Protein backbone atom coordinates (compact mmCIF):
# COMPACT_ATOMS: atom_id res chain seq x y z
CA MET A 1 0.01 0.10 0.05
CA THR A 2 1.45 3.38 -1.01
CA VAL A 3 0.23 6.74 -0.19
CA VAL A 4 1.55 10.15 -1.51
CA PHE A 5 0.63 13.39 0.18
CA LEU A 6 1.76 17.04 0.59
CA ASP A 7 3.56 18.25 3.82
CA ARG A 8 5.14 21.66 4.96
CA ARG A 9 7.40 20.15 7.56
CA ASP A 10 10.45 21.81 5.99
CA ASP A 11 9.34 25.35 6.10
CA PRO A 12 9.52 26.96 9.61
CA LEU A 13 7.03 29.45 8.00
CA ASN A 14 4.55 26.95 7.18
CA LEU A 15 4.48 28.09 3.61
CA SER A 16 6.32 25.87 1.08
CA TYR A 17 5.59 22.04 0.87
CA HIS A 18 7.12 19.11 -0.81
CA CYS A 19 5.41 15.63 -1.82
CA TYR A 20 6.06 12.80 0.40
CA LEU A 21 5.56 9.00 0.06
CA THR A 22 4.64 6.45 2.67
CA GLN A 23 4.15 2.69 2.37
CA SER A 24 2.50 -0.29 4.41
CA ALA A 25 3.29 -3.87 3.99
CA ASP A 26 0.47 -4.94 6.56
CA GLY A 27 -2.63 -3.32 5.27
CA GLY A 28 -2.14 -0.03 6.95
CA ALA A 29 -1.33 -1.25 10.43
CA THR A 30 2.04 0.13 10.15
CA TRP A 31 3.92 2.77 7.91
CA SER A 32 7.49 3.23 6.62
CA ALA A 33 9.31 6.57 7.49
CA ASN A 34 7.77 9.35 5.14
CA GLU A 35 10.13 9.82 2.14
CA LYS A 36 10.50 13.11 0.21
CA ILE A 37 9.92 12.57 -3.45
CA SER A 38 9.88 16.21 -4.85
CA THR A 39 13.10 17.61 -5.65
CA VAL A 40 12.04 21.45 -5.41
CA PRO A 41 9.22 22.94 -2.80
CA SER A 42 6.30 24.36 -3.91
CA ASP A 43 6.10 28.06 -3.50
CA PRO A 44 2.51 29.37 -3.34
CA THR A 45 3.80 33.08 -4.53
CA PHE A 46 5.73 31.43 -7.60
CA ALA A 47 2.55 32.51 -10.00
CA ALA A 48 3.07 36.16 -8.93
CA GLN A 49 6.84 35.70 -9.27
CA ILE A 50 6.69 34.51 -13.06
CA ARG A 51 3.96 37.09 -13.78
CA ALA A 52 6.35 39.91 -12.45
CA SER A 53 9.28 38.55 -14.22
CA LEU A 54 7.67 38.25 -17.61
CA GLU A 55 6.26 41.99 -17.15
CA GLN A 56 9.71 43.12 -16.57
CA GLU A 57 11.19 41.36 -19.67
CA ILE A 58 8.28 42.37 -22.00
CA ASN A 59 8.45 45.87 -20.63
CA ALA A 60 12.14 45.93 -21.53
CA GLY A 61 11.17 45.06 -24.98
CA GLY A 62 12.84 41.46 -24.60
CA LEU A 63 11.50 38.13 -24.83
CA PRO A 64 10.83 35.97 -21.75
CA ASP A 65 13.52 33.51 -20.81
CA ALA A 66 13.01 29.91 -20.04
CA LEU A 67 12.13 29.49 -16.48
CA SER A 68 13.34 25.97 -16.10
CA THR A 69 16.20 26.59 -13.92
CA THR A 70 13.74 27.87 -11.03
CA ALA A 71 14.43 26.36 -7.64
CA ALA A 72 10.70 26.64 -6.87
CA ALA A 73 7.69 24.76 -7.94
CA GLY A 74 4.06 26.55 -8.56
CA LEU A 75 0.97 24.60 -7.76
CA LEU A 76 2.75 21.52 -6.85
CA GLY A 77 0.35 18.64 -6.37
CA GLU A 78 -2.79 20.25 -7.82
CA TYR A 79 -3.19 16.92 -9.27
CA ILE A 80 -1.63 13.96 -7.34
CA GLY A 81 -1.52 10.28 -7.49
CA VAL A 82 0.26 6.83 -7.45
CA THR A 83 0.58 4.48 -10.48
CA ALA A 84 2.79 1.52 -11.00
CA TRP A 85 5.76 1.03 -13.55
CA ASN A 86 7.76 -2.30 -13.83
CA GLY A 87 5.93 -3.47 -10.52
CA HIS A 88 7.05 -0.47 -8.55
CA PRO A 89 4.92 2.09 -7.09
CA THR A 90 5.18 5.29 -9.04
CA PRO A 91 4.01 8.76 -7.39
CA VAL A 92 2.81 11.33 -9.98
CA TRP A 93 1.99 15.14 -9.63
CA THR A 94 1.87 18.47 -11.38
CA ASP A 95 3.61 21.52 -10.96
CA THR A 96 4.20 24.77 -12.87
CA ARG A 97 7.91 25.18 -12.28
CA ASN A 98 8.41 26.06 -15.92
CA GLY A 99 5.66 28.37 -16.45
CA HIS A 100 2.99 25.94 -17.54
CA GLN A 101 1.58 22.91 -16.09
CA ASP A 102 3.79 19.80 -16.26
CA VAL A 103 3.54 16.14 -15.02
CA TYR A 104 6.43 14.69 -12.82
CA ALA A 105 7.04 11.20 -11.40
CA GLY A 106 9.25 9.65 -8.77
CA TYR A 107 10.38 6.16 -9.32
CA ILE A 108 11.51 4.00 -6.49
CA SER A 109 14.20 1.96 -7.86
CA GLU A 110 14.44 -0.49 -4.87
CA GLU A 111 11.84 -1.87 -2.46
CA THR A 112 12.64 -0.30 1.04
CA PRO A 113 12.15 -2.78 3.91
CA VAL A 114 9.44 -1.26 6.52
CA PHE A 115 11.04 -1.24 9.68
CA LEU A 116 10.15 1.88 11.68
CA ARG A 117 6.71 2.61 13.04
CA HIS A 118 7.95 5.95 14.00
CA PHE A 119 10.76 8.13 14.51
CA ASP A 120 10.54 11.43 16.30
CA ALA A 121 12.99 14.24 17.65
CA ARG A 122 11.84 16.79 20.32
CA LEU A 123 13.48 19.19 22.57
CA ILE A 124 13.35 18.57 26.24
CA GLY A 125 15.15 21.17 28.28
CA GLU A 126 18.89 20.96 27.18
CA THR A 127 18.47 17.71 25.52
CA VAL A 128 17.40 16.65 21.96
CA ARG A 129 15.35 13.35 22.87
CA LEU A 130 15.25 10.99 19.72
CA GLU A 131 12.44 8.12 20.07
CA TRP A 132 11.46 5.26 17.82
CA ASP A 133 9.59 2.25 17.46
CA LEU A 134 9.78 -0.75 15.18
CA ALA A 135 7.06 -2.27 12.67
CA ALA A 136 8.18 -5.71 12.67
CA ASP A 137 10.02 -8.17 14.96
CA GLU A 138 12.70 -8.64 12.53
CA PRO A 139 16.39 -9.09 14.25
CA ILE A 140 18.04 -5.93 14.60
CA LEU A 141 21.94 -5.78 15.16
CA GLY A 142 21.66 -1.98 16.36
CA PHE A 143 20.86 1.52 15.49
CA ASN A 144 23.06 4.41 14.33
CA VAL A 145 21.94 8.03 14.77
CA TYR A 146 22.86 10.77 12.06
CA ARG A 147 22.84 14.60 12.34
CA ARG A 148 23.23 17.28 10.19
CA GLU A 149 22.88 21.10 10.65
CA GLY A 150 20.11 22.85 8.84
CA SER A 151 18.63 21.14 5.37
CA GLY A 152 21.36 19.42 3.43
CA GLY A 153 24.25 19.88 5.61
CA LEU A 154 27.16 17.49 6.09
CA GLU A 155 25.96 14.30 8.00
CA SER A 156 27.58 13.17 11.13
CA LEU A 157 27.48 9.96 13.25
CA LEU A 158 26.52 10.65 16.85
CA ASN A 159 26.99 7.35 18.39
CA ARG A 160 30.81 7.07 17.75
CA ALA A 161 31.46 4.73 20.62
CA GLY A 162 29.54 2.00 18.71
CA LEU A 163 26.04 0.80 17.53
CA ILE A 164 23.13 1.64 19.88
CA PRO A 165 21.72 -1.77 21.23
CA GLY A 166 19.03 -3.18 19.21
CA VAL A 167 16.79 -3.22 22.25
CA GLN A 168 17.08 0.37 22.64
CA ARG A 169 14.38 2.74 21.65
CA SER A 170 15.55 6.24 22.32
CA PHE A 171 19.00 8.44 22.06
CA ASP A 172 19.73 11.73 23.73
CA ASP A 173 21.83 14.29 22.13
CA THR A 174 23.24 17.22 24.35
CA ASP A 175 26.08 18.26 22.09
CA PHE A 176 24.75 21.04 20.21
CA GLU A 177 24.68 24.76 19.89
CA ALA A 178 21.40 26.55 20.95
CA GLY A 179 19.47 28.61 18.57
CA LYS A 180 20.25 26.38 15.60
CA SER A 181 18.01 23.83 13.54
CA TYR A 182 19.20 20.35 13.18
CA GLU A 183 17.95 17.32 11.42
CA TYR A 184 18.23 13.60 12.53
CA ALA A 185 18.02 10.40 10.76
CA LEU A 186 18.02 6.62 12.25
CA GLY A 187 19.99 3.99 10.59
CA VAL A 188 18.65 0.41 11.32
CA LYS A 189 21.43 -2.17 11.07
CA THR A 190 19.90 -5.55 10.07
CA LEU A 191 21.44 -9.10 10.47
CA GLU A 192 21.02 -9.41 6.39
CA GLY A 193 22.24 -6.11 5.20
CA SER A 194 25.72 -4.53 5.25
CA ASN A 195 24.32 -1.06 5.08
CA ASP A 196 21.79 0.85 7.31
CA VAL A 197 18.06 1.29 6.32
CA VAL A 198 18.09 4.77 7.15
CA SER A 199 14.95 6.95 7.97
CA GLN A 200 13.96 10.31 6.61
CA PHE A 201 15.31 13.31 8.58
CA VAL A 202 13.20 14.94 11.18
CA ARG A 203 14.10 18.34 12.25
CA VAL A 204 14.48 20.27 15.58
CA HIS A 205 15.13 23.91 16.20
CA THR A 206 17.10 24.39 19.43
CA ALA A 207 16.07 27.40 21.55
CA PRO A 208 18.53 30.04 21.97
CA HIS A 209 20.23 30.63 25.48
CA ILE A 210 18.94 34.04 27.26
CA PHE A 211 20.33 35.92 30.08
CA SER A 212 18.60 34.54 33.14
CA LEU A 213 18.91 34.28 36.96
CA GLY A 214 16.64 31.52 38.07
CA ARG A 215 15.10 31.23 41.37
CA SER A 216 17.28 29.39 44.00
CA TYR A 217 16.25 26.11 45.45
CA PRO A 218 15.46 25.41 48.12
CA ASN A 219 14.24 29.03 49.30
CA PRO A 220 14.15 29.61 52.17
CA PHE A 221 17.01 27.40 53.08
CA GLN A 222 19.06 26.36 55.92
CA THR A 223 22.43 24.48 54.97
CA GLY A 224 22.40 25.35 51.29
CA THR A 225 20.62 26.71 48.21
CA VAL A 226 21.32 26.03 44.56
CA ILE A 227 21.03 29.04 42.04
CA ALA A 228 20.67 28.40 38.46
CA TYR A 229 21.73 30.96 35.67
CA GLU A 230 21.96 31.00 31.95
CA ILE A 231 24.41 32.88 29.70
CA PRO A 232 23.48 33.55 25.86
CA GLU A 233 26.98 34.35 24.83
CA GLU A 234 30.70 33.82 25.76
CA ALA A 235 31.43 36.56 28.24
CA ARG A 236 32.91 37.35 31.63
CA VAL A 237 30.03 36.49 34.50
CA SER A 238 29.94 37.52 38.19
CA LEU A 239 27.46 35.97 40.62
CA LYS A 240 27.54 37.61 43.90
CA ILE A 241 25.76 37.30 47.25
CA TYR A 242 24.81 40.79 49.12
CA ASP A 243 23.04 41.09 52.40
CA ALA A 244 20.05 43.19 53.16
CA GLU A 245 22.36 46.50 53.53
CA GLY A 246 23.79 45.91 50.20
CA ARG A 247 27.29 44.71 51.57
CA LEU A 248 29.11 41.97 49.52
CA VAL A 249 28.93 38.73 51.35
CA THR A 250 30.85 36.40 48.87
CA THR A 251 31.62 35.94 45.14
CA LEU A 252 30.42 32.39 43.89
CA VAL A 253 31.41 33.14 40.14
CA ASP A 254 33.80 35.60 38.64
CA ARG A 255 35.17 34.32 35.23
CA ARG A 256 34.57 33.99 31.68
CA LEU A 257 31.97 31.49 30.64
CA ARG A 258 30.67 29.95 27.47
CA PRO A 259 26.92 30.21 26.59
CA GLY A 260 24.70 27.79 28.26
CA PRO A 261 23.01 26.77 31.81
CA TYR A 262 25.00 26.89 34.81
CA GLU A 263 24.38 26.31 38.61
CA ALA A 264 26.16 27.55 41.75
CA THR A 265 25.50 26.45 45.18
CA TRP A 266 25.79 28.93 48.32
CA HIS A 267 25.96 27.38 51.76
CA GLY A 268 25.44 30.58 53.86
CA GLU A 269 28.98 31.31 54.30
CA ALA A 270 30.77 34.88 53.81
CA ARG A 271 33.69 35.31 51.64
CA LEU A 272 36.45 34.31 54.25
CA GLY A 273 34.50 31.27 55.52
CA PRO A 274 32.32 31.90 58.63
CA ALA A 275 28.65 31.34 58.41
CA VAL A 276 26.40 34.32 58.12
CA ALA A 277 23.38 34.99 60.33
CA SER A 278 19.70 34.22 59.21
CA GLY A 279 18.33 36.88 57.19
CA ILE A 280 17.60 38.18 53.60
CA TYR A 281 20.19 37.97 51.01
CA PHE A 282 20.49 38.63 47.20
CA ALA A 283 21.98 36.84 44.50
CA VAL A 284 23.08 39.28 41.78
CA LEU A 285 24.05 38.01 38.24
CA GLU A 286 26.09 40.32 36.08
CA SER A 287 27.40 39.92 32.49
CA ASN A 288 28.04 42.58 29.59
CA GLY A 289 26.04 45.36 31.36
CA ARG A 290 23.19 43.20 32.16
CA VAL A 291 22.06 42.64 35.89
CA GLN A 292 19.32 40.45 37.35
CA THR A 293 18.64 39.75 41.02
CA GLN A 294 17.04 37.12 43.09
CA LYS A 295 16.18 37.31 46.94
CA MET A 296 16.83 34.31 49.40
CA ILE A 297 15.87 33.82 52.85
CA LEU A 298 18.47 32.19 55.16
CA LEU A 299 17.02 30.36 58.28
CA ARG A 300 19.45 29.17 60.93
């Protein structure tokens, strides 16, 4: 069973779309990873772009140039369907990338085994969690996880220490830069094949770091409190504790840090070591001219 459909997953602005294909070998109970079969995305504004280009060339007294080298399709998928050729499912669709409506087809030269029920990536705090499930009980040697920056970048293998065990169904990626988009694919290593059966890439956009001083925990506290903070860029950072009169009690951090989340613990001690009295204290975070303050209560 073969299904073709249109999807905007590659465009964060939810405007352009591609034609995708998925297959089922068990009557629709499970489906293969979605496979992109169109080579250029559909752009709903394409017709207006063509019209403007033609008008500009005509007004200049010339003849319109061919538009076959454009990187965008017009009404991609206005007509869409699946046929068969040489026993292989062949998706067909129309688009107007050349200035008029043509028919395009995608030929699947080899049958791709249906191994994955689903493969998903999502951002959880400072971790990209990859999760998957198999559609069949076929023996699996293990898995490989591939990542690339943006769309079409150079792929890198994340599990460099060796195959992920065949019984595992998740993988955590923590080594990435905040504020960037990444795409992940899962490779399935079977007993029969020498090469991975690789899924389609799924995209995750990681949130950028911000300048932030979080609430200390616990607060109020007796023996110690943890102060969380975050830095958006590499810079010199200071985290200091002041009493209610504005006098410096101690300095917890005073050094250059890379962007990211951090924690510091204060045990209710002054700079020279003695414990301070119960009362109200303030944690002050400073970096690149920015300042944030949090109130803490020490109970002896």
